[in-house]
N, C-alpha and C. Protein backbone atom coordinates (compact mmCIF):
# COMPACT_ATOMS: atom_id res chain seq x y z
N UNK A 1 49.24 -30.96 47.40
CA UNK A 1 49.61 -31.79 46.26
C UNK A 1 49.00 -31.20 44.98
N UNK A 2 49.80 -31.02 43.95
CA UNK A 2 49.33 -30.44 42.70
C UNK A 2 48.50 -31.46 41.93
N UNK A 3 47.80 -30.96 40.89
CA UNK A 3 47.00 -31.86 40.06
C UNK A 3 47.89 -32.88 39.36
N UNK A 4 49.07 -32.42 38.90
CA UNK A 4 50.01 -33.35 38.25
C UNK A 4 50.46 -34.43 39.22
N UNK A 5 50.68 -34.06 40.48
CA UNK A 5 51.11 -35.03 41.48
C UNK A 5 50.02 -36.06 41.76
N UNK A 6 48.78 -35.57 41.88
CA UNK A 6 47.66 -36.49 42.13
C UNK A 6 47.48 -37.45 40.96
N UNK A 7 47.60 -36.92 39.76
CA UNK A 7 47.46 -37.77 38.57
C UNK A 7 48.61 -38.77 38.49
N UNK A 8 49.79 -38.36 38.92
CA UNK A 8 50.95 -39.26 38.94
C UNK A 8 50.70 -40.45 39.86
N UNK A 9 50.14 -40.17 41.03
CA UNK A 9 49.85 -41.24 41.99
C UNK A 9 48.83 -42.21 41.41
N UNK A 10 47.76 -41.66 40.84
CA UNK A 10 46.70 -42.50 40.27
C UNK A 10 47.23 -43.38 39.14
N UNK A 11 47.98 -42.78 38.23
CA UNK A 11 48.51 -43.53 37.09
C UNK A 11 49.54 -44.57 37.54
N UNK A 12 50.33 -44.23 38.54
CA UNK A 12 51.33 -45.17 39.05
C UNK A 12 50.67 -46.39 39.67
N UNK A 13 49.64 -46.16 40.48
CA UNK A 13 48.93 -47.27 41.10
C UNK A 13 48.24 -48.14 40.05
N UNK A 14 47.67 -47.50 39.03
CA UNK A 14 47.02 -48.26 37.96
C UNK A 14 48.04 -49.09 37.20
N UNK A 15 49.19 -48.50 36.89
CA UNK A 15 50.23 -49.22 36.15
C UNK A 15 50.72 -50.43 36.94
N UNK A 16 50.93 -50.26 38.24
CA UNK A 16 51.39 -51.38 39.07
C UNK A 16 50.33 -52.47 39.17
N UNK A 17 49.06 -52.06 39.25
CA UNK A 17 47.98 -53.05 39.31
C UNK A 17 47.91 -53.85 38.01
N UNK A 18 48.09 -53.17 36.88
CA UNK A 18 48.06 -53.85 35.58
C UNK A 18 49.24 -54.81 35.45
N UNK A 19 50.40 -54.40 35.94
CA UNK A 19 51.58 -55.26 35.89
C UNK A 19 51.39 -56.50 36.74
N UNK A 20 50.82 -56.31 37.93
CA UNK A 20 50.56 -57.45 38.82
C UNK A 20 49.58 -58.42 38.18
N UNK A 21 48.51 -57.87 37.59
CA UNK A 21 47.52 -58.72 36.92
C UNK A 21 48.14 -59.49 35.77
N UNK A 22 49.01 -58.83 35.02
CA UNK A 22 49.67 -59.52 33.89
C UNK A 22 50.54 -60.66 34.38
N UNK A 23 51.25 -60.40 35.47
CA UNK A 23 52.14 -61.42 36.02
C UNK A 23 51.34 -62.64 36.49
N UNK A 24 50.19 -62.40 37.11
CA UNK A 24 49.35 -63.50 37.60
C UNK A 24 48.75 -64.28 36.43
N UNK A 25 48.28 -63.56 35.42
CA UNK A 25 47.60 -64.22 34.30
C UNK A 25 48.56 -64.99 33.40
N UNK A 26 49.78 -64.49 33.26
CA UNK A 26 50.72 -65.12 32.33
C UNK A 26 51.81 -65.93 33.02
N UNK A 27 51.90 -65.82 34.35
CA UNK A 27 52.97 -66.49 35.10
C UNK A 27 54.33 -66.09 34.56
N UNK A 28 54.44 -64.81 34.15
CA UNK A 28 55.69 -64.30 33.58
C UNK A 28 56.07 -62.98 34.24
N UNK A 29 57.37 -62.81 34.48
CA UNK A 29 57.89 -61.56 35.05
C UNK A 29 58.48 -60.66 33.97
N UNK A 30 58.11 -60.90 32.73
CA UNK A 30 58.74 -60.24 31.59
C UNK A 30 58.70 -58.72 31.68
N UNK A 31 57.58 -58.15 32.12
CA UNK A 31 57.41 -56.70 32.10
C UNK A 31 57.65 -56.05 33.46
N UNK A 32 58.20 -56.79 34.41
CA UNK A 32 58.41 -56.24 35.74
C UNK A 32 59.44 -55.12 35.77
N UNK A 33 60.27 -55.04 34.74
CA UNK A 33 61.27 -53.97 34.70
C UNK A 33 60.59 -52.60 34.65
N UNK A 34 59.36 -52.55 34.14
CA UNK A 34 58.63 -51.29 34.11
C UNK A 34 58.36 -50.77 35.51
N UNK A 35 58.03 -51.68 36.41
CA UNK A 35 57.79 -51.29 37.80
C UNK A 35 59.06 -50.71 38.43
N UNK A 36 60.20 -51.33 38.12
CA UNK A 36 61.48 -50.82 38.62
C UNK A 36 61.76 -49.43 38.08
N UNK A 37 61.50 -49.21 36.79
CA UNK A 37 61.70 -47.89 36.21
C UNK A 37 60.80 -46.85 36.86
N UNK A 38 59.59 -47.27 37.21
CA UNK A 38 58.67 -46.35 37.90
C UNK A 38 59.18 -46.02 39.30
N UNK A 39 59.74 -47.00 39.98
CA UNK A 39 60.32 -46.75 41.30
C UNK A 39 61.43 -45.71 41.21
N UNK A 40 62.28 -45.83 40.20
CA UNK A 40 63.37 -44.87 40.02
C UNK A 40 62.83 -43.46 39.79
N UNK A 41 61.72 -43.36 39.06
CA UNK A 41 61.11 -42.06 38.82
C UNK A 41 60.60 -41.45 40.12
N UNK A 42 60.01 -42.28 40.97
CA UNK A 42 59.53 -41.78 42.26
C UNK A 42 60.69 -41.44 43.20
N UNK A 43 61.81 -42.14 43.06
CA UNK A 43 63.00 -41.79 43.83
C UNK A 43 63.42 -40.36 43.49
N UNK A 44 63.34 -40.00 42.22
CA UNK A 44 63.68 -38.64 41.81
C UNK A 44 62.77 -37.62 42.50
N UNK A 45 61.49 -37.94 42.62
CA UNK A 45 60.55 -37.04 43.31
C UNK A 45 60.94 -36.89 44.78
N UNK A 46 61.25 -38.01 45.42
CA UNK A 46 61.63 -37.97 46.83
C UNK A 46 62.92 -37.19 47.06
N UNK A 47 63.87 -37.34 46.17
CA UNK A 47 65.15 -36.63 46.31
C UNK A 47 64.98 -35.13 46.15
N UNK A 48 64.08 -34.72 45.25
CA UNK A 48 63.83 -33.28 45.10
C UNK A 48 63.17 -32.73 46.35
N UNK A 49 62.22 -33.47 46.91
CA UNK A 49 61.58 -33.03 48.15
C UNK A 49 62.60 -32.90 49.27
N UNK A 50 63.53 -33.86 49.34
CA UNK A 50 64.58 -33.80 50.35
C UNK A 50 65.48 -32.59 50.13
N UNK A 51 65.80 -32.29 48.88
CA UNK A 51 66.63 -31.13 48.56
C UNK A 51 65.98 -29.84 49.04
N UNK A 52 64.70 -29.69 48.75
CA UNK A 52 63.98 -28.47 49.13
C UNK A 52 63.87 -28.36 50.64
N UNK A 53 63.64 -29.48 51.30
CA UNK A 53 63.56 -29.48 52.76
C UNK A 53 64.89 -29.05 53.39
N UNK A 54 66.00 -29.62 52.88
CA UNK A 54 67.31 -29.26 53.43
C UNK A 54 67.63 -27.79 53.16
N UNK A 55 67.25 -27.31 51.98
CA UNK A 55 67.50 -25.90 51.66
C UNK A 55 66.69 -24.98 52.57
N UNK A 56 65.45 -25.34 52.87
CA UNK A 56 64.62 -24.52 53.75
C UNK A 56 65.18 -24.47 55.16
N UNK A 57 65.93 -25.51 55.53
CA UNK A 57 66.56 -25.57 56.85
C UNK A 57 67.98 -24.98 56.82
N UNK A 58 68.37 -24.46 55.65
CA UNK A 58 69.71 -23.89 55.45
C UNK A 58 70.82 -24.90 55.71
N UNK A 59 70.54 -26.14 55.45
CA UNK A 59 71.55 -27.20 55.56
C UNK A 59 72.11 -27.39 54.15
N UNK A 60 73.03 -26.51 53.77
CA UNK A 60 73.43 -26.36 52.38
C UNK A 60 74.22 -27.55 51.86
N UNK A 61 75.02 -28.18 52.69
CA UNK A 61 75.77 -29.35 52.23
C UNK A 61 74.81 -30.48 51.87
N UNK A 62 73.86 -30.74 52.77
CA UNK A 62 72.86 -31.78 52.51
C UNK A 62 72.00 -31.45 51.30
N UNK A 63 71.63 -30.16 51.17
CA UNK A 63 70.81 -29.74 50.03
C UNK A 63 71.56 -29.91 48.72
N UNK A 64 72.85 -29.58 48.74
CA UNK A 64 73.66 -29.70 47.51
C UNK A 64 73.81 -31.16 47.09
N UNK A 65 74.10 -32.02 48.05
CA UNK A 65 74.26 -33.45 47.73
C UNK A 65 72.95 -34.06 47.25
N UNK A 66 71.87 -33.76 47.96
CA UNK A 66 70.56 -34.30 47.55
C UNK A 66 70.15 -33.74 46.20
N UNK A 67 70.45 -32.46 45.96
CA UNK A 67 70.10 -31.85 44.69
C UNK A 67 70.86 -32.45 43.52
N UNK A 68 72.13 -32.78 43.75
CA UNK A 68 72.93 -33.40 42.70
C UNK A 68 72.37 -34.76 42.31
N UNK A 69 72.02 -35.56 43.33
CA UNK A 69 71.48 -36.89 43.04
C UNK A 69 70.08 -36.77 42.43
N UNK A 70 69.29 -35.79 42.89
CA UNK A 70 67.96 -35.57 42.32
C UNK A 70 68.08 -35.21 40.84
N UNK A 71 69.06 -34.40 40.50
CA UNK A 71 69.31 -34.02 39.10
C UNK A 71 69.66 -35.25 38.26
N UNK A 72 70.48 -36.14 38.80
CA UNK A 72 70.87 -37.34 38.08
C UNK A 72 69.70 -38.30 37.88
N UNK A 73 68.78 -38.31 38.85
CA UNK A 73 67.65 -39.25 38.78
C UNK A 73 66.45 -38.69 38.02
N UNK A 74 66.40 -37.38 37.82
CA UNK A 74 65.24 -36.79 37.18
C UNK A 74 64.90 -37.40 35.81
N UNK A 75 65.87 -37.67 34.93
CA UNK A 75 65.52 -38.25 33.62
C UNK A 75 64.76 -39.56 33.70
N UNK A 76 64.82 -40.25 34.85
CA UNK A 76 64.06 -41.49 35.00
C UNK A 76 62.56 -41.27 34.88
N UNK A 77 62.09 -40.05 35.08
CA UNK A 77 60.66 -39.77 34.96
C UNK A 77 60.22 -39.86 33.50
N UNK A 78 60.76 -39.02 32.66
CA UNK A 78 60.35 -39.00 31.25
C UNK A 78 60.88 -40.22 30.49
N UNK A 79 61.86 -40.89 31.06
CA UNK A 79 62.39 -42.13 30.45
C UNK A 79 61.29 -43.17 30.29
N UNK A 80 60.30 -43.14 31.18
CA UNK A 80 59.20 -44.10 31.11
C UNK A 80 58.43 -43.99 29.79
N UNK A 81 58.44 -42.81 29.18
CA UNK A 81 57.77 -42.66 27.88
C UNK A 81 58.47 -43.51 26.82
N UNK A 82 59.79 -43.59 26.91
CA UNK A 82 60.55 -44.38 25.94
C UNK A 82 60.29 -45.87 26.07
N UNK A 83 59.72 -46.29 27.21
CA UNK A 83 59.40 -47.71 27.39
C UNK A 83 58.25 -48.15 26.49
N UNK A 84 57.62 -47.21 25.80
CA UNK A 84 56.60 -47.59 24.82
C UNK A 84 57.17 -48.52 23.76
N UNK A 85 58.48 -48.51 23.61
CA UNK A 85 59.12 -49.42 22.65
C UNK A 85 58.91 -50.88 23.03
N UNK A 86 58.52 -51.15 24.27
CA UNK A 86 58.33 -52.53 24.73
C UNK A 86 56.87 -52.97 24.69
N UNK A 87 56.03 -52.21 24.02
CA UNK A 87 54.59 -52.51 24.05
C UNK A 87 54.20 -53.70 23.19
N UNK A 88 55.12 -54.25 22.43
CA UNK A 88 54.76 -55.33 21.50
C UNK A 88 55.26 -56.70 21.95
N UNK A 89 55.45 -56.87 23.27
CA UNK A 89 55.96 -58.16 23.75
C UNK A 89 54.89 -59.25 23.73
N UNK A 90 53.64 -58.89 23.99
CA UNK A 90 52.59 -59.88 24.09
C UNK A 90 52.09 -60.37 22.73
N UNK A 91 51.18 -61.32 22.78
CA UNK A 91 50.59 -61.87 21.56
C UNK A 91 49.07 -61.87 21.70
N UNK A 92 48.37 -61.68 20.59
CA UNK A 92 46.92 -61.68 20.62
C UNK A 92 46.37 -60.56 21.48
N UNK A 93 45.39 -60.91 22.32
CA UNK A 93 44.77 -59.91 23.18
C UNK A 93 45.78 -59.29 24.15
N UNK A 94 46.73 -60.09 24.63
CA UNK A 94 47.71 -59.58 25.58
C UNK A 94 48.54 -58.44 24.98
N UNK A 95 48.72 -58.46 23.68
CA UNK A 95 49.48 -57.39 23.04
C UNK A 95 48.79 -56.05 23.24
N UNK A 96 47.46 -56.03 23.09
CA UNK A 96 46.73 -54.77 23.26
C UNK A 96 46.67 -54.39 24.73
N UNK A 97 46.60 -55.36 25.60
CA UNK A 97 46.63 -55.07 27.03
C UNK A 97 48.00 -54.49 27.42
N UNK A 98 49.05 -55.06 26.84
CA UNK A 98 50.39 -54.55 27.11
C UNK A 98 50.53 -53.11 26.63
N UNK A 99 49.91 -52.81 25.50
CA UNK A 99 49.98 -51.45 24.97
C UNK A 99 49.36 -50.47 25.97
N UNK A 100 48.21 -50.84 26.53
CA UNK A 100 47.56 -49.98 27.53
C UNK A 100 48.41 -49.86 28.79
N UNK A 101 49.01 -50.97 29.22
CA UNK A 101 49.82 -50.97 30.42
C UNK A 101 51.07 -50.10 30.25
N UNK A 102 51.78 -50.32 29.16
CA UNK A 102 53.00 -49.54 28.93
C UNK A 102 52.66 -48.07 28.72
N UNK A 103 51.54 -47.81 28.05
CA UNK A 103 51.11 -46.43 27.89
C UNK A 103 50.80 -45.76 29.21
N UNK A 104 50.24 -46.52 30.14
CA UNK A 104 49.96 -45.98 31.48
C UNK A 104 51.26 -45.62 32.20
N UNK A 105 52.26 -46.47 32.06
CA UNK A 105 53.58 -46.14 32.63
C UNK A 105 54.13 -44.86 32.00
N UNK A 106 53.98 -44.75 30.69
CA UNK A 106 54.46 -43.55 30.02
C UNK A 106 53.76 -42.30 30.50
N UNK A 107 52.44 -42.38 30.67
CA UNK A 107 51.69 -41.23 31.18
C UNK A 107 52.10 -40.90 32.61
N UNK A 108 52.30 -41.94 33.42
CA UNK A 108 52.75 -41.71 34.80
C UNK A 108 54.10 -41.00 34.81
N UNK A 109 55.01 -41.46 33.95
CA UNK A 109 56.32 -40.83 33.87
C UNK A 109 56.23 -39.38 33.42
N UNK A 110 55.36 -39.11 32.45
CA UNK A 110 55.20 -37.74 31.97
C UNK A 110 54.67 -36.83 33.07
N UNK A 111 53.69 -37.31 33.84
CA UNK A 111 53.13 -36.51 34.92
C UNK A 111 54.13 -36.34 36.07
N UNK A 112 54.94 -37.37 36.32
CA UNK A 112 55.98 -37.24 37.34
C UNK A 112 57.02 -36.20 36.91
N UNK A 113 57.33 -36.18 35.64
CA UNK A 113 58.28 -35.18 35.13
C UNK A 113 57.73 -33.78 35.33
N UNK A 114 56.46 -33.58 35.00
CA UNK A 114 55.84 -32.26 35.17
C UNK A 114 55.81 -31.88 36.65
N UNK A 115 55.43 -32.83 37.51
CA UNK A 115 55.38 -32.57 38.95
C UNK A 115 56.76 -32.16 39.47
N UNK A 116 57.79 -32.88 39.04
CA UNK A 116 59.16 -32.58 39.44
C UNK A 116 59.56 -31.18 38.98
N UNK A 117 59.30 -30.90 37.71
CA UNK A 117 59.69 -29.62 37.13
C UNK A 117 58.96 -28.44 37.78
N UNK A 118 57.67 -28.62 38.01
CA UNK A 118 56.89 -27.54 38.61
C UNK A 118 57.27 -27.31 40.07
N UNK A 119 57.61 -28.39 40.77
CA UNK A 119 58.08 -28.24 42.16
C UNK A 119 59.38 -27.47 42.19
N UNK A 120 60.30 -27.82 41.28
CA UNK A 120 61.57 -27.10 41.20
C UNK A 120 61.35 -25.64 40.84
N UNK A 121 60.53 -25.40 39.83
CA UNK A 121 60.30 -24.02 39.37
C UNK A 121 59.71 -23.17 40.48
N UNK A 122 58.77 -23.75 41.23
CA UNK A 122 58.14 -23.02 42.33
C UNK A 122 59.16 -22.67 43.41
N UNK A 123 60.04 -23.64 43.74
CA UNK A 123 61.04 -23.40 44.78
C UNK A 123 62.04 -22.34 44.36
N UNK A 124 62.49 -22.41 43.11
CA UNK A 124 63.47 -21.43 42.62
C UNK A 124 62.82 -20.06 42.47
N UNK A 125 61.59 -20.02 41.98
CA UNK A 125 60.87 -18.75 41.80
C UNK A 125 60.68 -18.03 43.13
N UNK A 126 60.38 -18.80 44.17
CA UNK A 126 60.15 -18.20 45.48
C UNK A 126 61.38 -17.49 46.01
N UNK A 127 62.55 -18.03 45.67
CA UNK A 127 63.79 -17.44 46.19
C UNK A 127 64.44 -16.45 45.23
N UNK A 128 64.36 -16.74 43.91
CA UNK A 128 65.11 -15.94 42.95
C UNK A 128 64.28 -15.26 41.87
N UNK A 129 62.99 -15.54 41.81
CA UNK A 129 62.14 -14.86 40.85
C UNK A 129 61.68 -15.76 39.71
N UNK A 130 60.71 -15.26 38.94
CA UNK A 130 60.06 -16.02 37.88
C UNK A 130 61.04 -16.45 36.79
N UNK A 131 61.90 -15.54 36.35
CA UNK A 131 62.83 -15.86 35.26
C UNK A 131 63.79 -16.97 35.67
N UNK A 132 64.27 -16.91 36.89
CA UNK A 132 65.18 -17.95 37.39
C UNK A 132 64.48 -19.29 37.45
N UNK A 133 63.19 -19.28 37.80
CA UNK A 133 62.44 -20.52 37.86
C UNK A 133 62.35 -21.20 36.51
N UNK A 134 62.07 -20.41 35.47
CA UNK A 134 61.99 -20.98 34.12
C UNK A 134 63.37 -21.36 33.59
N UNK A 135 64.40 -20.63 34.00
CA UNK A 135 65.77 -20.99 33.58
C UNK A 135 66.16 -22.35 34.16
N UNK A 136 65.79 -22.58 35.42
CA UNK A 136 66.06 -23.88 36.05
C UNK A 136 65.31 -24.99 35.31
N UNK A 137 64.08 -24.71 34.92
CA UNK A 137 63.30 -25.70 34.17
C UNK A 137 63.95 -26.00 32.84
N UNK A 138 64.40 -24.96 32.14
CA UNK A 138 65.04 -25.16 30.83
C UNK A 138 66.29 -26.02 30.95
N UNK A 139 67.05 -25.80 32.00
CA UNK A 139 68.24 -26.63 32.23
C UNK A 139 67.84 -28.09 32.43
N UNK A 140 66.74 -28.32 33.12
CA UNK A 140 66.30 -29.69 33.37
C UNK A 140 65.71 -30.32 32.12
N UNK A 141 65.11 -29.52 31.23
CA UNK A 141 64.64 -30.09 29.96
C UNK A 141 65.82 -30.69 29.20
N UNK A 142 66.90 -29.90 29.13
CA UNK A 142 68.09 -30.39 28.44
C UNK A 142 68.67 -31.61 29.14
N UNK A 143 68.70 -31.57 30.46
CA UNK A 143 69.22 -32.70 31.22
C UNK A 143 68.40 -33.96 30.98
N UNK A 144 67.09 -33.80 30.89
CA UNK A 144 66.22 -34.95 30.64
C UNK A 144 66.52 -35.57 29.29
N UNK A 145 66.68 -34.72 28.26
CA UNK A 145 66.98 -35.24 26.93
C UNK A 145 68.28 -36.02 26.89
N UNK A 146 69.31 -35.46 27.50
CA UNK A 146 70.60 -36.13 27.55
C UNK A 146 70.49 -37.42 28.37
N UNK A 147 69.74 -37.36 29.47
CA UNK A 147 69.61 -38.52 30.33
C UNK A 147 68.90 -39.69 29.66
N UNK A 148 67.86 -39.40 28.89
CA UNK A 148 67.16 -40.47 28.18
C UNK A 148 68.08 -41.11 27.15
N UNK A 149 68.82 -40.27 26.43
CA UNK A 149 69.79 -40.82 25.47
C UNK A 149 70.81 -41.72 26.17
N UNK A 150 71.32 -41.26 27.33
CA UNK A 150 72.33 -42.03 28.06
C UNK A 150 71.78 -43.38 28.51
N UNK A 151 70.50 -43.40 28.88
CA UNK A 151 69.91 -44.65 29.34
C UNK A 151 69.55 -45.60 28.21
N UNK A 152 69.19 -45.04 27.06
CA UNK A 152 68.73 -45.86 25.95
C UNK A 152 69.85 -46.33 25.02
N UNK A 153 70.83 -45.50 24.79
CA UNK A 153 71.85 -45.84 23.79
C UNK A 153 73.10 -46.45 24.43
N UNK A 154 73.90 -45.71 25.19
CA UNK A 154 75.06 -46.36 25.82
C UNK A 154 74.69 -47.16 27.07
N UNK A 155 73.40 -47.06 27.48
CA UNK A 155 72.89 -47.86 28.60
C UNK A 155 73.53 -47.52 29.94
N UNK A 156 73.82 -46.23 30.16
CA UNK A 156 74.29 -45.80 31.47
C UNK A 156 73.09 -45.69 32.41
N UNK A 157 73.31 -45.99 33.69
CA UNK A 157 72.29 -45.81 34.72
C UNK A 157 72.58 -44.53 35.51
N UNK A 158 71.57 -44.08 36.27
CA UNK A 158 71.75 -42.86 37.06
C UNK A 158 72.92 -42.99 38.02
N UNK A 159 73.06 -44.15 38.65
CA UNK A 159 74.13 -44.32 39.64
C UNK A 159 75.51 -44.47 39.00
N UNK A 160 75.55 -44.76 37.70
CA UNK A 160 76.85 -44.83 37.02
C UNK A 160 77.56 -43.48 37.04
N UNK A 161 76.76 -42.41 37.01
CA UNK A 161 77.35 -41.07 37.05
C UNK A 161 78.02 -40.81 38.39
N UNK A 162 77.59 -41.53 39.43
CA UNK A 162 78.21 -41.40 40.75
C UNK A 162 79.39 -42.36 40.92
N UNK A 163 79.25 -43.57 40.35
CA UNK A 163 80.27 -44.60 40.53
C UNK A 163 81.40 -44.48 39.51
N UNK A 164 81.08 -44.06 38.30
CA UNK A 164 82.09 -43.95 37.23
C UNK A 164 81.93 -42.63 36.50
N UNK A 165 82.04 -41.51 37.20
CA UNK A 165 81.76 -40.21 36.57
C UNK A 165 82.69 -39.90 35.40
N UNK A 166 83.96 -40.29 35.51
CA UNK A 166 84.91 -39.97 34.44
C UNK A 166 84.50 -40.66 33.14
N UNK A 167 84.16 -41.93 33.21
CA UNK A 167 83.77 -42.67 32.01
C UNK A 167 82.47 -42.12 31.42
N UNK A 168 81.51 -41.82 32.28
CA UNK A 168 80.22 -41.33 31.80
C UNK A 168 80.38 -39.99 31.10
N UNK A 169 81.12 -39.08 31.71
CA UNK A 169 81.30 -37.74 31.13
C UNK A 169 82.04 -37.83 29.79
N UNK A 170 83.10 -38.60 29.74
CA UNK A 170 83.86 -38.71 28.50
C UNK A 170 83.03 -39.33 27.38
N UNK A 171 82.27 -40.37 27.70
CA UNK A 171 81.44 -41.03 26.68
C UNK A 171 80.37 -40.07 26.17
N UNK A 172 79.76 -39.32 27.08
CA UNK A 172 78.71 -38.39 26.68
C UNK A 172 79.26 -37.26 25.83
N UNK A 173 80.38 -36.68 26.25
CA UNK A 173 80.99 -35.60 25.48
C UNK A 173 81.44 -36.07 24.10
N UNK A 174 81.94 -37.28 24.03
CA UNK A 174 82.39 -37.81 22.74
C UNK A 174 81.25 -37.89 21.73
N UNK A 175 80.09 -38.30 22.19
CA UNK A 175 78.94 -38.41 21.29
C UNK A 175 78.35 -37.05 20.93
N UNK A 176 78.22 -36.17 21.92
CA UNK A 176 77.59 -34.88 21.63
C UNK A 176 78.52 -33.92 20.89
N UNK A 177 79.82 -34.16 20.97
CA UNK A 177 80.78 -33.30 20.27
C UNK A 177 80.86 -33.64 18.79
N UNK A 178 80.30 -34.76 18.37
CA UNK A 178 80.36 -35.18 16.96
C UNK A 178 78.96 -35.52 16.46
N UNK A 179 78.11 -34.49 16.27
CA UNK A 179 76.72 -34.74 15.88
C UNK A 179 76.58 -35.40 14.51
N UNK A 180 77.54 -35.16 13.60
CA UNK A 180 77.44 -35.79 12.28
C UNK A 180 77.78 -37.27 12.35
N UNK A 181 78.69 -37.63 13.25
CA UNK A 181 79.07 -39.02 13.40
C UNK A 181 78.03 -39.79 14.20
N UNK A 182 77.40 -39.10 15.15
CA UNK A 182 76.37 -39.74 15.99
C UNK A 182 75.08 -38.91 15.92
N UNK A 183 74.39 -38.90 14.80
CA UNK A 183 73.21 -38.03 14.64
C UNK A 183 72.07 -38.37 15.60
N UNK A 184 71.96 -39.62 15.99
CA UNK A 184 70.88 -40.00 16.90
C UNK A 184 71.01 -39.40 18.28
N UNK A 185 72.22 -39.01 18.64
CA UNK A 185 72.46 -38.45 19.98
C UNK A 185 71.67 -37.17 20.17
N UNK A 186 71.88 -36.21 19.29
CA UNK A 186 71.19 -34.92 19.40
C UNK A 186 69.70 -35.07 19.15
N UNK A 187 69.33 -35.96 18.23
CA UNK A 187 67.91 -36.15 17.93
C UNK A 187 67.15 -36.64 19.16
N UNK A 188 67.68 -37.66 19.80
CA UNK A 188 67.03 -38.20 21.00
C UNK A 188 66.94 -37.15 22.10
N UNK A 189 68.04 -36.46 22.34
CA UNK A 189 68.08 -35.45 23.41
C UNK A 189 67.09 -34.32 23.13
N UNK A 190 67.03 -33.86 21.89
CA UNK A 190 66.13 -32.76 21.55
C UNK A 190 64.67 -33.18 21.64
N UNK A 191 64.36 -34.39 21.20
CA UNK A 191 62.98 -34.86 21.23
C UNK A 191 62.47 -34.95 22.67
N UNK A 192 63.24 -35.57 23.56
CA UNK A 192 62.77 -35.74 24.93
C UNK A 192 62.87 -34.45 25.73
N UNK A 193 63.84 -33.62 25.41
CA UNK A 193 63.89 -32.30 26.05
C UNK A 193 62.70 -31.46 25.65
N UNK A 194 62.34 -31.49 24.35
CA UNK A 194 61.18 -30.74 23.87
C UNK A 194 59.89 -31.27 24.46
N UNK A 195 59.82 -32.59 24.65
CA UNK A 195 58.62 -33.18 25.26
C UNK A 195 58.43 -32.66 26.68
N UNK A 196 59.51 -32.63 27.45
CA UNK A 196 59.43 -32.09 28.81
C UNK A 196 58.99 -30.63 28.80
N UNK A 197 59.56 -29.86 27.89
CA UNK A 197 59.22 -28.44 27.80
C UNK A 197 57.75 -28.25 27.45
N UNK A 198 57.28 -28.99 26.46
CA UNK A 198 55.88 -28.85 26.03
C UNK A 198 54.92 -29.24 27.14
N UNK A 199 55.24 -30.33 27.85
CA UNK A 199 54.37 -30.77 28.94
C UNK A 199 54.31 -29.74 30.06
N UNK A 200 55.48 -29.25 30.47
CA UNK A 200 55.47 -28.30 31.58
C UNK A 200 54.82 -26.98 31.20
N UNK A 201 55.18 -26.44 30.05
CA UNK A 201 54.62 -25.15 29.64
C UNK A 201 53.11 -25.27 29.44
N UNK A 202 52.69 -26.36 28.79
CA UNK A 202 51.27 -26.54 28.54
C UNK A 202 50.47 -26.64 29.82
N UNK A 203 50.95 -27.43 30.76
CA UNK A 203 50.22 -27.61 32.02
C UNK A 203 50.30 -26.35 32.89
N UNK A 204 51.46 -25.66 32.86
CA UNK A 204 51.60 -24.43 33.63
C UNK A 204 50.62 -23.37 33.12
N UNK A 205 50.46 -23.28 31.80
CA UNK A 205 49.52 -22.31 31.23
C UNK A 205 48.08 -22.70 31.54
N UNK A 206 47.81 -24.01 31.50
CA UNK A 206 46.45 -24.48 31.77
C UNK A 206 46.04 -24.20 33.21
N UNK A 207 47.00 -24.32 34.13
CA UNK A 207 46.69 -24.15 35.56
C UNK A 207 46.88 -22.71 36.03
N UNK A 208 47.30 -21.83 35.12
CA UNK A 208 47.51 -20.44 35.50
C UNK A 208 46.18 -19.80 35.89
N UNK A 209 46.15 -19.07 37.01
CA UNK A 209 44.89 -18.45 37.43
C UNK A 209 44.36 -17.50 36.37
N UNK A 210 43.07 -17.54 36.15
CA UNK A 210 42.46 -16.65 35.17
C UNK A 210 42.51 -15.21 35.68
N UNK A 211 42.74 -14.25 34.78
CA UNK A 211 42.78 -12.84 35.22
C UNK A 211 41.42 -12.39 35.73
N UNK A 212 41.45 -11.59 36.76
CA UNK A 212 40.21 -11.10 37.33
C UNK A 212 39.57 -10.08 36.40
N UNK A 213 38.27 -10.18 36.24
CA UNK A 213 37.55 -9.25 35.38
C UNK A 213 37.37 -7.93 36.11
N UNK A 214 37.61 -6.87 35.36
CA UNK A 214 37.44 -5.55 35.95
C UNK A 214 35.95 -5.20 36.03
N UNK A 215 35.57 -4.65 37.14
CA UNK A 215 34.17 -4.25 37.33
C UNK A 215 34.06 -2.76 37.06
N UNK A 216 33.22 -2.45 36.10
CA UNK A 216 33.06 -1.05 35.72
C UNK A 216 31.90 -0.48 36.53
N UNK A 217 32.20 0.61 37.21
CA UNK A 217 31.16 1.25 38.02
C UNK A 217 30.13 1.92 37.13
N UNK A 218 28.87 1.79 37.48
CA UNK A 218 27.78 2.42 36.69
C UNK A 218 27.19 3.59 37.46
């Protein structure tokens, strides 16, 4: 398990504990949707693991299907960062507690995104090389940006792409093909895509093994 994965588990458990405590203290289910969003993010992690497992077994049909669904669910990871918009539901002290809780969900989502991306990059690099690994990551950065926009603005869900693919594709193309008419479309996609890129590159560089020092013979 990578450091990002371990941190994802810790932050997820903390976020769920904070949500449970809030529900008990306030007798309100108002913020429970955050837990559901976190579940969807973990589903994306599980689907990627299933994809890699099927590919290692050369079960290409299963790997392709699992990979397609994993791709559709991946934006649910970084989507949790956008839930920071809900941090102002509480009043008084609860407002600041909500800020910490929602921020924890956002951090969990960010770490899950990095874990997902690094797992994919490692799998692709092992088979096709370093450049292919980063190319796959870049594609997912763009996918994440588009996915967050789809979830926040037209309110499409991951499964809508499976149940109503024609409508989802047409709606998405209509918005992205007219950036002047829908300026928020490209802005949202670029911001969240750049966030994924910065997180992955930064953590990948931080965890990169230090070069070995050359020993000069005397």
